[in-house]
Amino acid sequence: MADRRGGALTAYRALLGAQARSQTAYRASFAIDLVGNLGATLFDVVTVLVIFGVTRELGGFTLREALLMVGLSAFAFATADLLVGNIERIPRYVRTGLLDAVLLRPLGALPQLLLMDLPLRKVSRALFGLTVWIVAVASADLDWTPGRALLVVLAPVAGAVFFGSVFVATATVSFFWIESGELANSVTYGGRDFTSYPVTVYGGWFRALFAYGLGFAFVSYQPALALLGRADPLGLPAWAGWAAPGVALLAAAAAAVAWRFGIRHYRSTGS
């Protein structure tokens, strides 16, 4: 058993090393890709700054408070997109039959798919998101306690696990419906945009569905409330702000179940 695990780890390291060498072979091109990939995350932050250029509050929150949310969302999503985001290529793998070849190898299908085309160029997004998160925390004038110090570290990790779980769970739809890319994007990238703002700016069924039905409120909004020591304007108890790690673990468990179900019911395209 130990030898088998060691062999699998060696194979995974070889896949990762091959990806790193191939993507960094042309250094100038790779550097340009790194800079170019800042666009989406930078735009999210700039949009919030522009909004606060014409208003003092957004959904009852000041700029410094809202920056906690956008920083947390940007860092968590960019990290998940770097590590797990390429799983959204599953429709192409299914359509071309590449998934069949992956399943024939004596390695886990999901790790293989994640390492086959790991987008190292997206590391710039994660680093920029981390920078925004650090600046937001430093400027928020938090009342520091050991619990809040721990949450500053755990909340981004929980957010990345949550977003990664959403990537995997939505990708499994492709096992049954190949043309499901737009549906998956509406949840993954839509969730990123949703978590960049206070939940209080949304209303009705849309807020109920995304914030608490799908759990996106626990990515940035609820952790930000806990860090700020603010009561939830929507009436949830104070402990909800500390529930992000638990919600992330539940999301990961649900994604694992969905992935196993999809793999077991996958039928080859015959390509």
C-alpha atoms as a PDB file:
ATOM      1  CA  MET A   1       0.000   0.000   0.000  1.00  0.00           C
ATOM      2  CA  ALA A   2       2.781   2.422   0.904  1.00  0.00           C
ATOM      3  CA  ASP A   3       4.633   1.592  -2.323  1.00  0.00           C
ATOM      4  CA  ARG A   4       1.478   2.202  -4.349  1.00  0.00           C
ATOM      5  CA  ARG A   5       0.905   5.589  -2.711  1.00  0.00           C
ATOM      6  CA  GLY A   6       4.547   6.516  -3.234  1.00  0.00           C
ATOM      7  CA  GLY A   7       4.297   5.591  -6.899  1.00  0.00           C
ATOM      8  CA  ALA A   8       1.146   7.672  -7.310  1.00  0.00           C
ATOM      9  CA  LEU A   9       2.776  10.698  -5.682  1.00  0.00           C
ATOM     10  CA  THR A  10       5.784  10.304  -7.972  1.00  0.00           C
ATOM     11  CA  ALA A  11       3.486  10.225 -10.994  1.00  0.00           C
ATOM     12  CA  TYR A  12       1.595  13.315  -9.831  1.00  0.00           C
ATOM     13  CA  ARG A  13       4.868  15.184  -9.249  1.00  0.00           C
ATOM     14  CA  ALA A  14       5.991  14.207 -12.748  1.00  0.00           C
ATOM     15  CA  LEU A  15       2.747  15.570 -14.237  1.00  0.00           C
ATOM     16  CA  LEU A  16       3.125  18.828 -12.313  1.00  0.00           C
ATOM     17  CA  GLY A  17       6.784  19.159 -13.263  1.00  0.00           C
ATOM     18  CA  ALA A  18       6.009  18.591 -16.932  1.00  0.00           C
ATOM     19  CA  GLN A  19       3.325  21.281 -16.817  1.00  0.00           C
ATOM     20  CA  ALA A  20       5.643  23.751 -15.097  1.00  0.00           C
ATOM     21  CA  ARG A  21       8.430  23.163 -17.625  1.00  0.00           C
ATOM     22  CA  SER A  22       6.154  23.436 -20.645  1.00  0.00           C
ATOM     23  CA  GLN A  23       4.424  26.617 -19.461  1.00  0.00           C
ATOM     24  CA  THR A  24       7.624  28.411 -18.441  1.00  0.00           C
ATOM     25  CA  ALA A  25       9.720  27.336 -21.439  1.00  0.00           C
ATOM     26  CA  TYR A  26       9.084  30.687 -23.137  1.00  0.00           C
ATOM     27  CA  ARG A  27       9.716  33.084 -20.294  1.00  0.00           C
ATOM     28  CA  ALA A  28       8.651  36.299 -22.009  1.00  0.00           C
ATOM     29  CA  SER A  29       5.338  34.783 -23.069  1.00  0.00           C
ATOM     30  CA  PHE A  30       4.795  33.363 -19.588  1.00  0.00           C
ATOM     31  CA  ALA A  31       5.518  36.746 -17.992  1.00  0.00           C
ATOM     32  CA  ILE A  32       3.015  38.429 -20.316  1.00  0.00           C
ATOM     33  CA  ASP A  33       0.422  35.797 -19.398  1.00  0.00           C
ATOM     34  CA  LEU A  34       1.050  36.452 -15.702  1.00  0.00           C
ATOM     35  CA  VAL A  35       0.381  40.176 -16.148  1.00  0.00           C
ATOM     36  CA  GLY A  36      -2.576  39.620 -18.451  1.00  0.00           C
ATOM     37  CA  ASN A  37      -4.280  37.317 -15.981  1.00  0.00           C
ATOM     38  CA  LEU A  38      -4.523  40.111 -13.419  1.00  0.00           C
ATOM     39  CA  GLY A  39      -7.374  41.601 -15.420  1.00  0.00           C
ATOM     40  CA  ALA A  40     -10.398  39.804 -13.980  1.00  0.00           C
ATOM     41  CA  THR A  41      -9.417  40.142 -10.317  1.00  0.00           C
ATOM     42  CA  LEU A  42      -8.238  43.723 -10.770  1.00  0.00           C
ATOM     43  CA  PHE A  43     -11.536  44.601 -12.431  1.00  0.00           C
ATOM     44  CA  ASP A  44     -13.527  43.248  -9.466  1.00  0.00           C
ATOM     45  CA  VAL A  45     -11.623  45.502  -7.060  1.00  0.00           C
ATOM     46  CA  VAL A  46     -11.751  48.557  -9.320  1.00  0.00           C
ATOM     47  CA  THR A  47     -15.512  48.137  -9.762  1.00  0.00           C
ATOM     48  CA  VAL A  48     -16.045  48.357  -6.014  1.00  0.00           C
ATOM     49  CA  LEU A  49     -13.813  51.425  -5.791  1.00  0.00           C
ATOM     50  CA  VAL A  50     -15.755  53.106  -8.614  1.00  0.00           C
ATOM     51  CA  ILE A  51     -19.065  52.406  -6.887  1.00  0.00           C
ATOM     52  CA  PHE A  52     -17.797  54.000  -3.685  1.00  0.00           C
ATOM     53  CA  GLY A  53     -16.706  56.989  -5.714  1.00  0.00           C
ATOM     54  CA  VAL A  54     -20.381  57.962  -5.958  1.00  0.00           C
ATOM     55  CA  THR A  55     -21.723  56.672  -2.645  1.00  0.00           C
ATOM     56  CA  ARG A  56     -20.534  56.515   0.956  1.00  0.00           C
ATOM     57  CA  GLU A  57     -22.180  53.192   1.745  1.00  0.00           C
ATOM     58  CA  LEU A  58     -23.130  50.065  -0.166  1.00  0.00           C
ATOM     59  CA  GLY A  59     -25.790  47.867   1.384  1.00  0.00           C
ATOM     60  CA  GLY A  60     -25.084  49.512   4.747  1.00  0.00           C
ATOM     61  CA  PHE A  61     -21.306  48.948   4.596  1.00  0.00           C
ATOM     62  CA  THR A  62     -18.460  51.423   4.199  1.00  0.00           C
ATOM     63  CA  LEU A  63     -15.610  51.117   1.717  1.00  0.00           C
ATOM     64  CA  ARG A  64     -13.227  49.596   4.275  1.00  0.00           C
ATOM     65  CA  GLU A  65     -15.833  47.044   5.299  1.00  0.00           C
ATOM     66  CA  ALA A  66     -16.725  46.177   1.718  1.00  0.00           C
ATOM     67  CA  LEU A  67     -13.041  45.786   0.840  1.00  0.00           C
ATOM     68  CA  LEU A  68     -12.850  42.952   3.354  1.00  0.00           C
ATOM     69  CA  MET A  69     -15.467  41.126   1.320  1.00  0.00           C
ATOM     70  CA  VAL A  70     -14.028  41.812  -2.116  1.00  0.00           C
ATOM     71  CA  GLY A  71     -10.507  40.987  -0.906  1.00  0.00           C
ATOM     72  CA  LEU A  72     -11.621  37.723   0.648  1.00  0.00           C
ATOM     73  CA  SER A  73     -13.665  36.793  -2.412  1.00  0.00           C
ATOM     74  CA  ALA A  74     -10.886  37.710  -4.855  1.00  0.00           C
ATOM     75  CA  PHE A  75      -8.198  35.755  -3.005  1.00  0.00           C
ATOM     76  CA  ALA A  76     -10.384  32.687  -2.412  1.00  0.00           C
ATOM     77  CA  PHE A  77     -11.687  32.494  -5.965  1.00  0.00           C
ATOM     78  CA  ALA A  78      -8.315  33.134  -7.605  1.00  0.00           C
ATOM     79  CA  THR A  79      -6.711  30.397  -5.497  1.00  0.00           C
ATOM     80  CA  ALA A  80      -9.467  27.916  -6.326  1.00  0.00           C
ATOM     81  CA  ASP A  81      -9.307  28.853 -10.010  1.00  0.00           C
ATOM     82  CA  LEU A  82      -5.549  28.278 -10.015  1.00  0.00           C
ATOM     83  CA  LEU A  83      -5.727  24.872  -8.325  1.00  0.00           C
ATOM     84  CA  VAL A  84      -9.064  23.482  -9.515  1.00  0.00           C
ATOM     85  CA  GLY A  85     -10.457  25.790 -12.194  1.00  0.00           C
ATOM     86  CA  ASN A  86      -9.257  23.785 -15.182  1.00  0.00           C
ATOM     87  CA  ILE A  87     -11.737  21.041 -14.234  1.00  0.00           C
ATOM     88  CA  GLU A  88     -14.225  23.135 -16.228  1.00  0.00           C
ATOM     89  CA  ARG A  89     -12.586  21.631 -19.343  1.00  0.00           C
ATOM     90  CA  ILE A  90     -14.359  18.363 -18.590  1.00  0.00           C
ATOM     91  CA  PRO A  91     -16.920  18.866 -21.433  1.00  0.00           C
ATOM     92  CA  ARG A  92     -14.074  18.905 -23.972  1.00  0.00           C
ATOM     93  CA  TYR A  93     -12.422  15.876 -22.378  1.00  0.00           C
ATOM     94  CA  VAL A  94     -15.710  13.951 -22.521  1.00  0.00           C
ATOM     95  CA  ARG A  95     -16.478  15.028 -26.073  1.00  0.00           C
ATOM     96  CA  THR A  96     -13.034  14.129 -27.437  1.00  0.00           C
ATOM     97  CA  GLY A  97     -12.677  10.886 -25.490  1.00  0.00           C
ATOM     98  CA  LEU A  98      -9.642  12.081 -23.535  1.00  0.00           C
ATOM     99  CA  LEU A  99     -11.440  11.229 -20.297  1.00  0.00           C
ATOM    100  CA  ASP A 100     -11.490   7.582 -21.367  1.00  0.00           C
ATOM    101  CA  ALA A 101      -7.684   7.562 -21.499  1.00  0.00           C
ATOM    102  CA  VAL A 102      -7.503   9.191 -18.076  1.00  0.00           C
ATOM    103  CA  LEU A 103      -9.764   6.552 -16.551  1.00  0.00           C
ATOM    104  CA  LEU A 104      -7.583   3.745 -17.933  1.00  0.00           C
ATOM    105  CA  ARG A 105      -4.550   4.920 -15.979  1.00  0.00           C
ATOM    106  CA  PRO A 106      -3.908   3.479 -12.497  1.00  0.00           C
ATOM    107  CA  LEU A 107      -4.222   6.923 -10.903  1.00  0.00           C
ATOM    108  CA  GLY A 108      -7.078   8.980  -9.501  1.00  0.00           C
ATOM    109  CA  ALA A 109      -9.060  10.649 -12.286  1.00  0.00           C
ATOM    110  CA  LEU A 110      -9.582  13.972 -10.519  1.00  0.00           C
ATOM    111  CA  PRO A 111      -5.903  14.596  -9.575  1.00  0.00           C
ATOM    112  CA  GLN A 112      -4.871  13.712 -13.122  1.00  0.00           C
ATOM    113  CA  LEU A 113      -7.356  16.145 -14.646  1.00  0.00           C
ATOM    114  CA  LEU A 114      -6.287  18.923 -12.299  1.00  0.00           C
ATOM    115  CA  LEU A 115      -2.586  18.419 -13.038  1.00  0.00           C
ATOM    116  CA  MET A 116      -2.900  17.844 -16.785  1.00  0.00           C
ATOM    117  CA  ASP A 117      -3.229  21.526 -17.542  1.00  0.00           C
ATOM    118  CA  LEU A 118      -2.563  23.412 -14.306  1.00  0.00           C
ATOM    119  CA  PRO A 119      -2.739  27.106 -15.323  1.00  0.00           C
ATOM    120  CA  LEU A 120       0.375  28.440 -13.585  1.00  0.00           C
ATOM    121  CA  ARG A 121      -0.135  31.777 -15.323  1.00  0.00           C
ATOM    122  CA  LYS A 122      -3.066  32.354 -12.954  1.00  0.00           C
ATOM    123  CA  VAL A 123      -0.739  32.518  -9.952  1.00  0.00           C
ATOM    124  CA  SER A 124      -0.627  36.296 -10.479  1.00  0.00           C
ATOM    125  CA  ARG A 125      -4.359  36.486  -9.729  1.00  0.00           C
ATOM    126  CA  ALA A 126      -3.922  34.623  -6.475  1.00  0.00           C
ATOM    127  CA  LEU A 127      -1.011  36.841  -5.429  1.00  0.00           C
ATOM    128  CA  PHE A 128      -2.962  39.983  -6.281  1.00  0.00           C
ATOM    129  CA  GLY A 129      -5.966  38.660  -4.352  1.00  0.00           C
ATOM    130  CA  LEU A 130      -3.704  37.973  -1.368  1.00  0.00           C
ATOM    131  CA  THR A 131      -2.384  41.531  -1.571  1.00  0.00           C
ATOM    132  CA  VAL A 132      -5.909  42.971  -1.606  1.00  0.00           C
ATOM    133  CA  TRP A 133      -6.859  40.772   1.359  1.00  0.00           C
ATOM    134  CA  ILE A 134      -3.832  41.899   3.390  1.00  0.00           C
ATOM    135  CA  VAL A 135      -4.488  45.578   2.599  1.00  0.00           C
ATOM    136  CA  ALA A 136      -8.193  45.197   3.434  1.00  0.00           C
ATOM    137  CA  VAL A 137      -7.444  43.547   6.792  1.00  0.00           C
ATOM    138  CA  ALA A 138      -4.803  46.143   7.650  1.00  0.00           C
ATOM    139  CA  SER A 139      -7.101  49.069   6.825  1.00  0.00           C
ATOM    140  CA  ALA A 140     -10.254  47.726   8.487  1.00  0.00           C
ATOM    141  CA  ASP A 141      -9.140  48.688  12.016  1.00  0.00           C
ATOM    142  CA  LEU A 142     -10.211  45.343  13.470  1.00  0.00           C
ATOM    143  CA  ASP A 143     -10.572  44.710  17.193  1.00  0.00           C
ATOM    144  CA  TRP A 144      -8.053  41.882  17.302  1.00  0.00           C
ATOM    145  CA  THR A 145      -8.704  38.736  19.306  1.00  0.00           C
ATOM    146  CA  PRO A 146      -7.123  35.277  18.973  1.00  0.00           C
ATOM    147  CA  GLY A 147     -10.302  34.075  17.272  1.00  0.00           C
ATOM    148  CA  ARG A 148     -10.264  36.858  14.697  1.00  0.00           C
ATOM    149  CA  ALA A 149      -6.571  36.333  14.014  1.00  0.00           C
ATOM    150  CA  LEU A 150      -7.308  32.683  13.305  1.00  0.00           C
ATOM    151  CA  LEU A 151     -10.294  33.575  11.113  1.00  0.00           C
ATOM    152  CA  VAL A 152      -8.149  35.926   9.012  1.00  0.00           C
ATOM    153  CA  VAL A 153      -6.128  32.853   8.040  1.00  0.00           C
ATOM    154  CA  LEU A 154      -8.909  30.273   7.874  1.00  0.00           C
ATOM    155  CA  ALA A 155     -11.517  32.313   5.985  1.00  0.00           C
ATOM    156  CA  PRO A 156      -9.536  32.542   2.698  1.00  0.00           C
ATOM    157  CA  VAL A 157      -8.686  28.832   2.901  1.00  0.00           C
ATOM    158  CA  ALA A 158     -12.338  27.976   3.533  1.00  0.00           C
ATOM    159  CA  GLY A 159     -13.389  30.233   0.659  1.00  0.00           C
ATOM    160  CA  ALA A 160     -10.922  28.557  -1.707  1.00  0.00           C
ATOM    161  CA  VAL A 161     -12.164  25.099  -0.643  1.00  0.00           C
ATOM    162  CA  PHE A 162     -15.757  26.232  -1.166  1.00  0.00           C
ATOM    163  CA  PHE A 163     -15.097  27.645  -4.639  1.00  0.00           C
ATOM    164  CA  GLY A 164     -13.030  24.581  -5.548  1.00  0.00           C
ATOM    165  CA  SER A 165     -15.926  22.375  -4.487  1.00  0.00           C
ATOM    166  CA  VAL A 166     -18.292  24.400  -6.668  1.00  0.00           C
ATOM    167  CA  PHE A 167     -15.942  23.969  -9.645  1.00  0.00           C
ATOM    168  CA  VAL A 168     -15.868  20.191  -9.163  1.00  0.00           C
ATOM    169  CA  ALA A 169     -19.583  19.783  -8.424  1.00  0.00           C
ATOM    170  CA  THR A 170     -20.704  21.795 -11.460  1.00  0.00           C
ATOM    171  CA  ALA A 171     -18.191  19.988 -13.697  1.00  0.00           C
ATOM    172  CA  THR A 172     -19.810  16.630 -12.909  1.00  0.00           C
ATOM    173  CA  VAL A 173     -22.924  17.730 -14.813  1.00  0.00           C
ATOM    174  CA  SER A 174     -20.866  17.180 -17.983  1.00  0.00           C
ATOM    175  CA  PHE A 175     -20.964  13.421 -17.392  1.00  0.00           C
ATOM    176  CA  PHE A 176     -24.684  13.572 -18.191  1.00  0.00           C
ATOM    177  CA  TRP A 177     -24.981  16.771 -20.274  1.00  0.00           C
ATOM    178  CA  ILE A 178     -21.900  17.718 -22.298  1.00  0.00           C
ATOM    179  CA  GLU A 179     -23.106  21.210 -23.223  1.00  0.00           C
ATOM    180  CA  SER A 180     -23.389  22.313 -19.590  1.00  0.00           C
ATOM    181  CA  GLY A 181     -20.540  24.840 -19.601  1.00  0.00           C
ATOM    182  CA  GLU A 182     -22.719  27.949 -19.405  1.00  0.00           C
ATOM    183  CA  LEU A 183     -24.720  26.489 -16.547  1.00  0.00           C
ATOM    184  CA  ALA A 184     -21.526  25.757 -14.618  1.00  0.00           C
ATOM    185  CA  ASN A 185     -20.130  29.235 -15.320  1.00  0.00           C
ATOM    186  CA  SER A 186     -23.292  30.876 -14.031  1.00  0.00           C
ATOM    187  CA  VAL A 187     -22.654  29.264 -10.653  1.00  0.00           C
ATOM    188  CA  THR A 188     -18.839  29.503 -10.436  1.00  0.00           C
ATOM    189  CA  TYR A 189     -18.181  32.934 -11.927  1.00  0.00           C
ATOM    190  CA  GLY A 190     -21.603  34.162 -10.889  1.00  0.00           C
ATOM    191  CA  GLY A 191     -20.727  33.114  -7.345  1.00  0.00           C
ATOM    192  CA  ARG A 192     -17.479  35.070  -7.525  1.00  0.00           C
ATOM    193  CA  ASP A 193     -19.343  38.227  -8.546  1.00  0.00           C
ATOM    194  CA  PHE A 194     -22.016  37.603  -5.896  1.00  0.00           C
ATOM    195  CA  THR A 195     -19.476  37.330  -3.081  1.00  0.00           C
ATOM    196  CA  SER A 196     -17.671  40.526  -4.093  1.00  0.00           C
ATOM    197  CA  TYR A 197     -20.456  42.653  -2.572  1.00  0.00           C
ATOM    198  CA  PRO A 198     -22.392  42.684   0.701  1.00  0.00           C
ATOM    199  CA  VAL A 199     -25.288  40.238   0.563  1.00  0.00           C
ATOM    200  CA  THR A 200     -27.577  43.086   1.651  1.00  0.00           C
ATOM    201  CA  VAL A 201     -27.441  44.647  -1.834  1.00  0.00           C
ATOM    202  CA  TYR A 202     -29.401  41.682  -3.186  1.00  0.00           C
ATOM    203  CA  GLY A 203     -32.964  40.783  -2.439  1.00  0.00           C
ATOM    204  CA  GLY A 204     -35.767  38.304  -2.792  1.00  0.00           C
ATOM    205  CA  TRP A 205     -35.355  34.780  -4.128  1.00  0.00           C
ATOM    206  CA  PHE A 206     -31.994  35.602  -5.724  1.00  0.00           C
ATOM    207  CA  ARG A 207     -30.368  36.385  -2.363  1.00  0.00           C
ATOM    208  CA  ALA A 208     -32.035  33.404  -0.717  1.00  0.00           C
ATOM    209  CA  LEU A 209     -30.809  31.052  -3.441  1.00  0.00           C
ATOM    210  CA  PHE A 210     -27.197  32.191  -3.786  1.00  0.00           C
ATOM    211  CA  ALA A 211     -26.494  33.400  -0.254  1.00  0.00           C
ATOM    212  CA  TYR A 212     -27.962  30.578   1.790  1.00  0.00           C
ATOM    213  CA  GLY A 213     -29.365  27.984  -0.604  1.00  0.00           C
ATOM    214  CA  LEU A 214     -25.954  27.533  -2.250  1.00  0.00           C
ATOM    215  CA  GLY A 215     -23.970  28.887   0.712  1.00  0.00           C
ATOM    216  CA  PHE A 216     -22.106  31.784  -0.940  1.00  0.00           C
ATOM    217  CA  ALA A 217     -22.835  34.077   2.018  1.00  0.00           C
ATOM    218  CA  PHE A 218     -20.254  32.092   3.998  1.00  0.00           C
ATOM    219  CA  VAL A 219     -17.437  32.858   1.561  1.00  0.00           C
ATOM    220  CA  SER A 220     -16.954  36.548   2.354  1.00  0.00           C
ATOM    221  CA  TYR A 221     -20.040  38.213   3.853  1.00  0.00           C
ATOM    222  CA  GLN A 222     -20.416  36.209   7.053  1.00  0.00           C
ATOM    223  CA  PRO A 223     -16.647  35.988   7.803  1.00  0.00           C
ATOM    224  CA  ALA A 224     -16.392  39.756   7.261  1.00  0.00           C
ATOM    225  CA  LEU A 225     -19.187  40.338   9.790  1.00  0.00           C
ATOM    226  CA  ALA A 226     -17.348  38.187  12.337  1.00  0.00           C
ATOM    227  CA  LEU A 227     -14.077  40.044  11.767  1.00  0.00           C
ATOM    228  CA  LEU A 228     -15.792  43.421  12.042  1.00  0.00           C
ATOM    229  CA  GLY A 229     -17.822  42.413  15.095  1.00  0.00           C
ATOM    230  CA  ARG A 230     -21.010  43.526  13.361  1.00  0.00           C
ATOM    231  CA  ALA A 231     -24.448  42.020  13.805  1.00  0.00           C
ATOM    232  CA  ASP A 232     -25.968  40.622  10.640  1.00  0.00           C
ATOM    233  CA  PRO A 233     -28.534  43.112   9.243  1.00  0.00           C
ATOM    234  CA  LEU A 234     -30.439  40.092   7.914  1.00  0.00           C
ATOM    235  CA  GLY A 235     -30.829  38.643  11.394  1.00  0.00           C
ATOM    236  CA  LEU A 236     -28.576  35.566  11.412  1.00  0.00           C
ATOM    237  CA  PRO A 237     -26.915  34.824  14.784  1.00  0.00           C
ATOM    238  CA  ALA A 238     -23.351  35.932  15.461  1.00  0.00           C
ATOM    239  CA  TRP A 239     -21.968  32.377  15.263  1.00  0.00           C
ATOM    240  CA  ALA A 240     -22.862  32.258  11.553  1.00  0.00           C
ATOM    241  CA  GLY A 241     -19.829  34.443  10.871  1.00  0.00           C
ATOM    242  CA  TRP A 242     -17.573  31.686  12.197  1.00  0.00           C
ATOM    243  CA  ALA A 243     -19.230  28.894  10.233  1.00  0.00           C
ATOM    244  CA  ALA A 244     -17.244  29.354   7.008  1.00  0.00           C
ATOM    245  CA  PRO A 245     -14.805  26.429   7.587  1.00  0.00           C
ATOM    246  CA  GLY A 246     -17.684  24.076   8.402  1.00  0.00           C
ATOM    247  CA  VAL A 247     -19.660  25.156   5.340  1.00  0.00           C
ATOM    248  CA  ALA A 248     -16.547  24.664   3.180  1.00  0.00           C
ATOM    249  CA  LEU A 249     -16.105  21.117   4.501  1.00  0.00           C
ATOM    250  CA  LEU A 250     -19.761  20.334   3.765  1.00  0.00           C
ATOM    251  CA  ALA A 251     -19.336  21.712   0.250  1.00  0.00           C
ATOM    252  CA  ALA A 252     -16.217  19.581  -0.265  1.00  0.00           C
ATOM    253  CA  ALA A 253     -18.055  16.470   0.933  1.00  0.00           C
ATOM    254  CA  ALA A 254     -20.978  17.182  -1.406  1.00  0.00           C
ATOM    255  CA  ALA A 255     -18.594  17.744  -4.333  1.00  0.00           C
ATOM    256  CA  ALA A 256     -16.815  14.455  -3.575  1.00  0.00           C
ATOM    257  CA  VAL A 257     -20.125  12.573  -3.583  1.00  0.00           C
ATOM    258  CA  ALA A 258     -21.173  14.263  -6.843  1.00  0.00           C
ATOM    259  CA  TRP A 259     -17.834  13.442  -8.475  1.00  0.00           C
ATOM    260  CA  ARG A 260     -17.936   9.773  -7.478  1.00  0.00           C
ATOM    261  CA  PHE A 261     -21.528   9.518  -8.688  1.00  0.00           C
ATOM    262  CA  GLY A 262     -20.629  11.096 -12.026  1.00  0.00           C
ATOM    263  CA  ILE A 263     -17.582   8.902 -12.586  1.00  0.00           C
ATOM    264  CA  ARG A 264     -19.521   5.719 -11.791  1.00  0.00           C
ATOM    265  CA  HIS A 265     -22.278   6.639 -14.229  1.00  0.00           C
ATOM    266  CA  TYR A 266     -20.004   7.908 -16.983  1.00  0.00           C
ATOM    267  CA  ARG A 267     -20.393   6.172 -20.308  1.00  0.00           C
ATOM    268  CA  SER A 268     -17.641   6.384 -22.921  1.00  0.00           C
ATOM    269  CA  THR A 269     -18.269   8.585 -25.952  1.00  0.00           C
ATOM    270  CA  GLY A 270     -16.642   5.929 -28.130  1.00  0.00           C
ATOM    271  CA  SER A 271     -14.295   8.548 -29.594  1.00  0.00           C
END
